[in-house]
Amino acid sequence: MEEKLKNLKARLNTYKSAVIAFSGGVDSTFLARIAKDVYGENMLLITATSSTYPFYELEEAKSLALRKLIFPVMLIILLTDVIIVRANCSEKLNI
């Protein structure tokens, strides 16, 4: 595990900043915490929400990001329309 963490930090260190899709779940919280160690304030968390995303989950994600992980900025995007793009998917996926 130590080696994987070291590799993650090394990979993150190849960039000067980051934008992380943050749901408040285990994976994005872990990545956000490690990225915070690497980038400090040079990062942004983004959470997309819609009518299908429970309000309480958005509140939990905000609370976690802004209070416990101490991120000063979190961008929340409201998705009002879902657009499905399909162009030659069967060829691209070798189906």
N, C-alpha and C. Protein backbone atom coordinates (compact mmCIF):
# COMPACT_ATOMS: atom_id res chain seq x y z
N MET A 1 0.82 -1.20 0.00
CA MET A 1 0.00 0.00 0.00
C MET A 1 0.86 1.26 0.00
N GLU A 2 1.93 1.24 0.74
CA GLU A 2 2.84 2.40 0.80
C GLU A 2 3.40 2.73 -0.58
N GLU A 3 3.73 1.68 -1.34
CA GLU A 3 4.28 1.88 -2.68
C GLU A 3 3.23 2.50 -3.61
N LYS A 4 1.99 2.06 -3.51
CA LYS A 4 0.91 2.61 -4.34
C LYS A 4 0.67 4.07 -4.00
N LEU A 5 0.70 4.41 -2.72
CA LEU A 5 0.52 5.79 -2.30
C LEU A 5 1.67 6.65 -2.81
N LYS A 6 2.87 6.14 -2.73
CA LYS A 6 4.05 6.85 -3.23
C LYS A 6 3.93 7.10 -4.73
N ASN A 7 3.46 6.09 -5.48
CA ASN A 7 3.28 6.22 -6.92
C ASN A 7 2.20 7.25 -7.26
N LEU A 8 1.11 7.25 -6.49
CA LEU A 8 0.05 8.23 -6.71
C LEU A 8 0.57 9.65 -6.51
N LYS A 9 1.29 9.87 -5.42
CA LYS A 9 1.83 11.20 -5.16
C LYS A 9 2.83 11.62 -6.23
N ALA A 10 3.63 10.68 -6.70
CA ALA A 10 4.59 10.98 -7.76
C ALA A 10 3.87 11.39 -9.04
N ARG A 11 2.80 10.67 -9.35
CA ARG A 11 2.03 11.01 -10.56
C ARG A 11 1.37 12.37 -10.41
N LEU A 12 0.81 12.64 -9.25
CA LEU A 12 0.19 13.95 -9.03
C LEU A 12 1.22 15.08 -9.10
N ASN A 13 2.43 14.81 -8.66
CA ASN A 13 3.48 15.82 -8.67
C ASN A 13 3.93 16.22 -10.07
N THR A 14 3.49 15.50 -11.09
CA THR A 14 3.86 15.87 -12.45
C THR A 14 3.01 17.04 -12.95
N TYR A 15 1.99 17.43 -12.18
CA TYR A 15 1.12 18.56 -12.54
C TYR A 15 1.24 19.65 -11.49
N LYS A 16 0.89 20.88 -11.88
CA LYS A 16 0.97 22.01 -10.96
C LYS A 16 -0.32 22.22 -10.17
N SER A 17 -1.41 21.69 -10.69
CA SER A 17 -2.71 21.87 -10.04
C SER A 17 -3.64 20.75 -10.49
N ALA A 18 -4.85 20.73 -9.91
CA ALA A 18 -5.79 19.67 -10.26
C ALA A 18 -7.23 20.14 -10.10
N VAL A 19 -8.10 19.52 -10.89
CA VAL A 19 -9.54 19.64 -10.74
C VAL A 19 -10.04 18.21 -10.53
N ILE A 20 -10.74 17.99 -9.43
CA ILE A 20 -11.17 16.64 -9.08
C ILE A 20 -12.69 16.57 -9.03
N ALA A 21 -13.24 15.57 -9.73
CA ALA A 21 -14.67 15.29 -9.64
C ALA A 21 -14.91 14.68 -8.27
N PHE A 22 -15.69 15.36 -7.44
CA PHE A 22 -15.83 14.98 -6.04
C PHE A 22 -17.28 14.64 -5.71
N SER A 23 -17.51 13.38 -5.36
CA SER A 23 -18.87 12.95 -4.99
C SER A 23 -19.06 12.90 -3.47
N GLY A 24 -17.95 12.87 -2.74
CA GLY A 24 -18.04 12.69 -1.30
C GLY A 24 -17.93 11.22 -0.92
N GLY A 25 -17.79 10.35 -1.92
CA GLY A 25 -17.62 8.93 -1.68
C GLY A 25 -16.19 8.61 -1.27
N VAL A 26 -15.94 7.36 -1.01
CA VAL A 26 -14.63 6.92 -0.52
C VAL A 26 -13.52 7.23 -1.51
N ASP A 27 -13.72 6.91 -2.79
CA ASP A 27 -12.65 7.09 -3.78
C ASP A 27 -12.29 8.55 -3.99
N SER A 28 -13.31 9.39 -4.23
CA SER A 28 -13.00 10.79 -4.50
C SER A 28 -12.51 11.51 -3.24
N THR A 29 -12.97 11.08 -2.07
CA THR A 29 -12.48 11.68 -0.82
C THR A 29 -11.01 11.33 -0.60
N PHE A 30 -10.65 10.08 -0.85
CA PHE A 30 -9.26 9.66 -0.72
C PHE A 30 -8.37 10.45 -1.68
N LEU A 31 -8.78 10.53 -2.95
CA LEU A 31 -8.00 11.27 -3.93
C LEU A 31 -7.89 12.74 -3.56
N ALA A 32 -8.97 13.33 -3.11
CA ALA A 32 -8.96 14.74 -2.71
C ALA A 32 -8.01 14.97 -1.55
N ARG A 33 -8.00 14.08 -0.58
CA ARG A 33 -7.12 14.23 0.58
C ARG A 33 -5.65 14.15 0.17
N ILE A 34 -5.30 13.19 -0.67
CA ILE A 34 -3.92 13.05 -1.12
C ILE A 34 -3.53 14.23 -2.00
N ALA A 35 -4.44 14.64 -2.88
CA ALA A 35 -4.17 15.78 -3.75
C ALA A 35 -3.99 17.06 -2.94
N LYS A 36 -4.73 17.19 -1.87
CA LYS A 36 -4.57 18.36 -0.99
C LYS A 36 -3.16 18.40 -0.41
N ASP A 37 -2.62 17.24 -0.04
CA ASP A 37 -1.25 17.17 0.46
C ASP A 37 -0.25 17.60 -0.60
N VAL A 38 -0.53 17.25 -1.86
CA VAL A 38 0.39 17.55 -2.96
C VAL A 38 0.25 18.98 -3.44
N TYR A 39 -0.98 19.45 -3.66
CA TYR A 39 -1.21 20.75 -4.30
C TYR A 39 -1.53 21.89 -3.35
N GLY A 40 -1.89 21.58 -2.13
CA GLY A 40 -2.30 22.66 -1.22
C GLY A 40 -3.57 23.31 -1.75
N GLU A 41 -3.51 24.61 -1.99
CA GLU A 41 -4.67 25.36 -2.45
C GLU A 41 -4.79 25.39 -3.98
N ASN A 42 -3.88 24.76 -4.68
CA ASN A 42 -3.88 24.79 -6.14
C ASN A 42 -4.73 23.67 -6.74
N MET A 43 -5.95 23.56 -6.23
CA MET A 43 -6.85 22.54 -6.74
C MET A 43 -8.29 22.96 -6.52
N LEU A 44 -9.18 22.30 -7.23
CA LEU A 44 -10.60 22.61 -7.15
C LEU A 44 -11.38 21.31 -7.15
N LEU A 45 -12.36 21.24 -6.29
CA LEU A 45 -13.28 20.09 -6.28
C LEU A 45 -14.54 20.49 -7.03
N ILE A 46 -15.04 19.59 -7.87
CA ILE A 46 -16.28 19.84 -8.60
C ILE A 46 -17.26 18.71 -8.31
N THR A 47 -18.48 19.08 -7.97
CA THR A 47 -19.55 18.11 -7.77
C THR A 47 -20.69 18.47 -8.70
N ALA A 48 -21.11 17.52 -9.50
CA ALA A 48 -22.26 17.71 -10.39
C ALA A 48 -23.49 17.18 -9.68
N THR A 49 -24.57 17.91 -9.77
CA THR A 49 -25.80 17.49 -9.13
C THR A 49 -26.97 17.62 -10.11
N SER A 50 -28.02 16.91 -9.84
CA SER A 50 -29.22 16.97 -10.68
C SER A 50 -30.41 16.58 -9.83
N SER A 51 -31.55 16.50 -10.47
CA SER A 51 -32.76 16.12 -9.73
C SER A 51 -32.69 14.68 -9.25
N THR A 52 -31.81 13.88 -9.82
CA THR A 52 -31.69 12.48 -9.40
C THR A 52 -30.66 12.29 -8.29
N TYR A 53 -29.93 13.34 -7.96
CA TYR A 53 -28.89 13.26 -6.93
C TYR A 53 -29.51 13.74 -5.61
N PRO A 54 -29.64 12.87 -4.63
CA PRO A 54 -30.30 13.26 -3.38
C PRO A 54 -29.66 14.48 -2.72
N PHE A 55 -30.49 15.41 -2.28
CA PHE A 55 -30.02 16.65 -1.67
C PHE A 55 -29.10 16.37 -0.48
N TYR A 56 -29.45 15.39 0.35
CA TYR A 56 -28.64 15.12 1.53
C TYR A 56 -27.24 14.64 1.15
N GLU A 57 -27.10 13.94 0.00
CA GLU A 57 -25.77 13.51 -0.43
C GLU A 57 -24.93 14.71 -0.86
N LEU A 58 -25.55 15.67 -1.51
CA LEU A 58 -24.83 16.89 -1.88
C LEU A 58 -24.39 17.64 -0.62
N GLU A 59 -25.25 17.72 0.36
CA GLU A 59 -24.90 18.40 1.61
C GLU A 59 -23.76 17.68 2.33
N GLU A 60 -23.78 16.35 2.32
CA GLU A 60 -22.70 15.59 2.95
C GLU A 60 -21.38 15.82 2.22
N ALA A 61 -21.42 15.83 0.89
CA ALA A 61 -20.21 16.06 0.10
C ALA A 61 -19.65 17.45 0.38
N LYS A 62 -20.53 18.46 0.43
CA LYS A 62 -20.08 19.82 0.73
C LYS A 62 -19.48 19.90 2.12
N SER A 63 -20.13 19.31 3.08
CA SER A 63 -19.65 19.33 4.46
C SER A 63 -18.27 18.69 4.55
N LEU A 64 -18.13 17.54 3.94
CA LEU A 64 -16.86 16.82 3.97
C LEU A 64 -15.76 17.64 3.33
N ALA A 65 -16.04 18.21 2.17
CA ALA A 65 -15.03 18.97 1.44
C ALA A 65 -14.66 20.27 2.15
N LEU A 66 -15.65 20.98 2.58
CA LEU A 66 -15.41 22.33 3.10
C LEU A 66 -15.00 22.36 4.57
N ARG A 67 -15.39 21.36 5.34
CA ARG A 67 -15.06 21.39 6.76
C ARG A 67 -13.95 20.40 7.13
N LYS A 68 -14.11 19.18 6.74
CA LYS A 68 -13.16 18.15 7.17
C LYS A 68 -11.90 18.10 6.32
N LEU A 69 -12.05 18.30 5.00
CA LEU A 69 -10.87 18.30 4.14
C LEU A 69 -10.28 19.70 4.00
N ILE A 70 -11.01 20.70 4.48
CA ILE A 70 -10.59 22.09 4.50
C ILE A 70 -10.26 22.61 3.10
N PHE A 71 -11.20 22.46 2.18
CA PHE A 71 -11.07 23.05 0.86
C PHE A 71 -11.84 24.35 0.84
N PRO A 72 -11.20 25.44 0.50
CA PRO A 72 -11.89 26.73 0.53
C PRO A 72 -12.89 26.93 -0.60
N VAL A 73 -12.72 26.19 -1.71
CA VAL A 73 -13.59 26.37 -2.86
C VAL A 73 -14.07 25.02 -3.37
N MET A 74 -15.37 24.95 -3.62
CA MET A 74 -15.95 23.76 -4.22
C MET A 74 -16.99 24.22 -5.22
N LEU A 75 -16.85 23.80 -6.46
CA LEU A 75 -17.78 24.19 -7.51
C LEU A 75 -18.87 23.12 -7.62
N ILE A 76 -20.12 23.57 -7.60
CA ILE A 76 -21.25 22.65 -7.73
C ILE A 76 -21.96 22.99 -9.03
N ILE A 77 -22.09 22.01 -9.90
CA ILE A 77 -22.72 22.20 -11.20
C ILE A 77 -24.08 21.54 -11.19
N LEU A 78 -25.12 22.28 -11.55
CA LEU A 78 -26.47 21.73 -11.63
C LEU A 78 -26.71 21.25 -13.06
N LEU A 79 -26.93 19.98 -13.21
CA LEU A 79 -27.22 19.40 -14.51
C LEU A 79 -28.73 19.41 -14.73
N THR A 80 -29.18 20.16 -15.71
CA THR A 80 -30.61 20.23 -15.96
C THR A 80 -31.02 19.39 -17.16
N ASP A 81 -30.11 19.13 -18.05
CA ASP A 81 -30.40 18.32 -19.23
C ASP A 81 -29.33 17.26 -19.36
N VAL A 82 -29.73 16.08 -19.76
CA VAL A 82 -28.79 15.01 -20.03
C VAL A 82 -28.78 14.77 -21.53
N ILE A 83 -27.62 14.87 -22.11
CA ILE A 83 -27.49 14.67 -23.55
C ILE A 83 -26.72 13.38 -23.77
N ILE A 84 -27.30 12.50 -24.56
CA ILE A 84 -26.63 11.24 -24.88
C ILE A 84 -26.12 11.35 -26.31
N VAL A 85 -24.83 11.18 -26.46
CA VAL A 85 -24.21 11.26 -27.78
C VAL A 85 -23.81 9.86 -28.20
N ARG A 86 -24.26 9.48 -29.38
CA ARG A 86 -23.91 8.16 -29.89
C ARG A 86 -23.52 8.32 -31.35
N ALA A 87 -22.26 8.10 -31.63
CA ALA A 87 -21.77 8.21 -32.99
C ALA A 87 -20.80 7.07 -33.25
N ASN A 88 -21.24 6.11 -34.04
CA ASN A 88 -20.40 4.97 -34.39
C ASN A 88 -19.88 4.22 -33.16
N CYS A 89 -20.68 4.12 -32.13
CA CYS A 89 -20.25 3.44 -30.90
C CYS A 89 -19.88 1.99 -31.16
N SER A 90 -20.65 1.31 -31.99
CA SER A 90 -20.36 -0.10 -32.22
C SER A 90 -18.99 -0.30 -32.86
N GLU A 91 -18.60 0.62 -33.73
CA GLU A 91 -17.26 0.52 -34.33
C GLU A 91 -16.15 0.80 -33.31
N LYS A 92 -16.35 1.84 -32.53
CA LYS A 92 -15.34 2.24 -31.55
C LYS A 92 -15.17 1.19 -30.45
N LEU A 93 -16.24 0.50 -30.09
CA LEU A 93 -16.19 -0.49 -29.02
C LEU A 93 -15.97 -1.90 -29.53
N ASN A 94 -15.80 -2.03 -30.84
CA ASN A 94 -15.62 -3.33 -31.45
C ASN A 94 -16.75 -4.31 -31.12
N ILE A 95 -17.96 -3.82 -31.20
CA ILE A 95 -19.14 -4.65 -30.90
C ILE A 95 -19.67 -5.25 -32.20
